[in-house]
Protein backbone atom coordinates (compact mmCIF):
# COMPACT_ATOMS: atom_id res chain seq x y z
CA PRO A 1 -2.54 -21.72 -29.06
CA ALA A 2 -1.23 -18.53 -30.64
CA ARG A 3 -1.32 -18.28 -34.39
CA ALA A 4 1.26 -16.76 -36.66
CA PRO A 5 0.18 -14.16 -39.25
CA GLY A 6 -0.20 -16.91 -41.88
CA GLY A 7 -2.62 -18.82 -39.63
CA LYS A 8 -0.11 -21.54 -38.65
CA LYS A 9 0.36 -22.62 -35.07
CA THR A 10 3.68 -21.26 -33.85
CA TYR A 11 4.33 -23.85 -31.14
CA ARG A 12 4.31 -26.67 -33.69
CA ASN A 13 6.81 -24.87 -35.89
CA ARG A 14 9.03 -24.20 -32.90
CA GLU A 15 8.72 -27.81 -31.78
CA ARG A 16 9.75 -29.04 -35.24
CA GLU A 17 12.69 -26.64 -35.26
CA MET A 18 13.80 -27.90 -31.87
CA GLN A 19 13.55 -31.52 -32.99
CA GLN A 20 15.49 -30.78 -36.17
CA HIS A 21 18.14 -28.92 -34.16
CA ARG A 22 18.42 -31.84 -31.72
CA CYS A 23 18.83 -34.32 -34.60
CA ASN A 24 21.52 -32.13 -36.20
CA VAL A 25 23.46 -31.83 -32.94
CA ILE A 26 23.24 -35.58 -32.24
CA ASN A 27 24.47 -36.36 -35.76
CA LEU A 28 27.35 -33.91 -35.34
CA TYR A 29 28.24 -35.53 -32.02
CA LYS A 30 28.21 -39.00 -33.61
CA ARG A 31 30.44 -37.81 -36.46
CA CYS A 32 32.86 -36.36 -33.90
CA LEU A 33 32.96 -39.65 -31.99
CA ARG A 34 33.60 -41.58 -35.23
CA SER A 35 36.45 -39.25 -36.02
CA VAL A 36 37.90 -39.73 -32.52
CA ARG A 37 37.82 -43.52 -33.05
CA ARG A 38 40.10 -43.08 -36.06
CA ILE A 39 42.91 -41.56 -33.96
CA PRO A 40 45.75 -44.11 -34.00
CA THR A 41 47.18 -43.82 -30.49
CA PRO A 42 45.06 -44.83 -27.47
CA GLU A 43 46.29 -41.91 -25.32
CA GLN A 44 45.33 -39.30 -27.89
CA ARG A 45 42.02 -41.07 -28.48
CA ARG A 46 41.17 -40.83 -24.76
CA VAL A 47 42.10 -37.15 -24.63
CA TYR A 48 39.99 -36.27 -27.68
CA LEU A 49 37.08 -38.36 -26.43
CA ILE A 50 37.03 -36.43 -23.16
CA TYR A 51 37.45 -33.14 -25.05
CA THR A 52 34.51 -33.97 -27.35
CA ARG A 53 32.21 -35.11 -24.55
CA ASP A 54 33.01 -32.12 -22.36
CA GLY A 55 32.54 -29.71 -25.26
CA PHE A 56 29.07 -31.00 -26.05
CA ARG A 57 28.04 -31.30 -22.39
CA SER A 58 29.10 -27.74 -21.61
CA LYS A 59 26.84 -26.41 -24.38
CA GLN A 60 23.92 -28.72 -23.59
CA THR A 61 21.87 -26.09 -21.74
CA LEU A 62 22.16 -23.36 -24.38
CA PRO A 63 18.88 -22.36 -26.02
CA PHE A 64 18.67 -23.91 -29.47
CA ASP A 65 18.01 -20.62 -31.25
CA SER A 66 20.74 -18.50 -29.64
CA GLN A 67 23.67 -17.03 -31.51
CA ARG A 68 26.08 -18.75 -29.10
CA THR A 69 24.59 -22.12 -30.02
CA THR A 70 24.99 -21.39 -33.73
CA LEU A 71 28.61 -20.35 -33.23
CA SER A 72 29.31 -23.45 -31.11
CA ILE A 73 27.94 -25.73 -33.82
CA LYS A 74 30.00 -23.98 -36.51
CA ASP A 75 33.10 -24.30 -34.33
CA ALA A 76 32.48 -28.02 -33.78
CA GLU A 77 31.98 -28.55 -37.53
CA GLN A 78 35.25 -26.74 -38.29
CA GLN A 79 37.13 -28.83 -35.72
CA LEU A 80 35.61 -31.99 -37.18
CA GLU A 81 36.65 -30.91 -40.67
CA SER A 82 40.21 -30.35 -39.41
CA MET A 83 40.30 -33.78 -37.80
CA ASP A 84 38.99 -35.40 -40.97
CA TYR A 85 41.68 -33.57 -42.97
CA TYR A 86 44.41 -34.91 -40.68
CA HIS A 87 42.95 -38.41 -40.88
CA SER A 88 42.98 -38.30 -44.68
CA ALA A 89 46.54 -36.88 -44.73
CA ARG A 90 47.68 -39.68 -42.41
CA MET A 91 46.00 -42.32 -44.57
CA THR A 92 47.57 -40.86 -47.72
CA LYS A 93 50.99 -40.94 -46.09
CA LEU A 94 50.50 -44.57 -45.03
CA ALA A 95 49.39 -45.49 -48.55
CA GLU A 96 52.46 -43.81 -50.04
CA LYS A 97 54.71 -45.73 -47.67
CA LYS A 98 53.15 -49.02 -48.77
CA THR A 99 53.53 -48.27 -52.49
CA SER A 100 56.95 -46.63 -52.50
CA PRO A 101 59.85 -48.95 -53.33
CA LYS A 102 62.18 -49.72 -50.48
CA MET A 103 65.71 -48.63 -51.19
CA THR A 104 68.56 -50.74 -49.86
CA ILE A 105 72.27 -50.48 -50.39
CA GLY A 106 73.07 -51.84 -53.81
CA SER A 107 69.48 -51.68 -55.11
CA LYS A 108 68.73 -50.01 -58.41
CA ILE A 109 67.35 -46.48 -58.44
CA PRO A 110 63.85 -46.63 -60.02
CA ASN A 111 63.16 -44.77 -63.28
CA VAL A 112 66.77 -43.64 -63.76
CA PRO A 113 68.68 -44.41 -66.97
CA PRO A 114 71.70 -46.70 -66.40
CA GLU A 115 74.30 -44.02 -67.31
CA LYS A 116 72.87 -41.58 -64.74
CA GLU A 117 72.67 -44.37 -62.18
CA ARG A 118 76.39 -45.03 -62.64
CA ALA A 119 77.17 -41.35 -62.21
CA LEU A 120 75.06 -41.21 -59.06
CA SER A 121 76.64 -44.33 -57.60
CA ASN A 122 80.13 -42.97 -58.39
CA ASN A 123 79.34 -39.80 -56.43
CA VAL A 124 78.15 -41.85 -53.47
CA ASP A 125 81.36 -43.94 -53.46
CA ASN A 126 83.56 -40.81 -53.25
């Protein structure tokens, strides 16, 4: 086996790098699949599942240390971050809907002094 200038075996270092890269890609793929599972509508879930699988499969044969591989991983991480942002925005919106008071005709306006409420209700009646 060839030795690096420091006396270390290069094939072992490369093998470790490849294993680490493989673990990182598999973890990224799993995170993408978890994010896809959070999509509320079944049709969109199917579309994104196919998109995710095809995206990873199409890059499967790239060498692990190429610039194209690095860019593909960064792109996948950015897309995952965007999906996670939309999931959190959707969850925040759902939480706000659950906590906001439901207004019905004749119900009191929350946090409004009575005199302003009368003025507002008079404007609505006109």
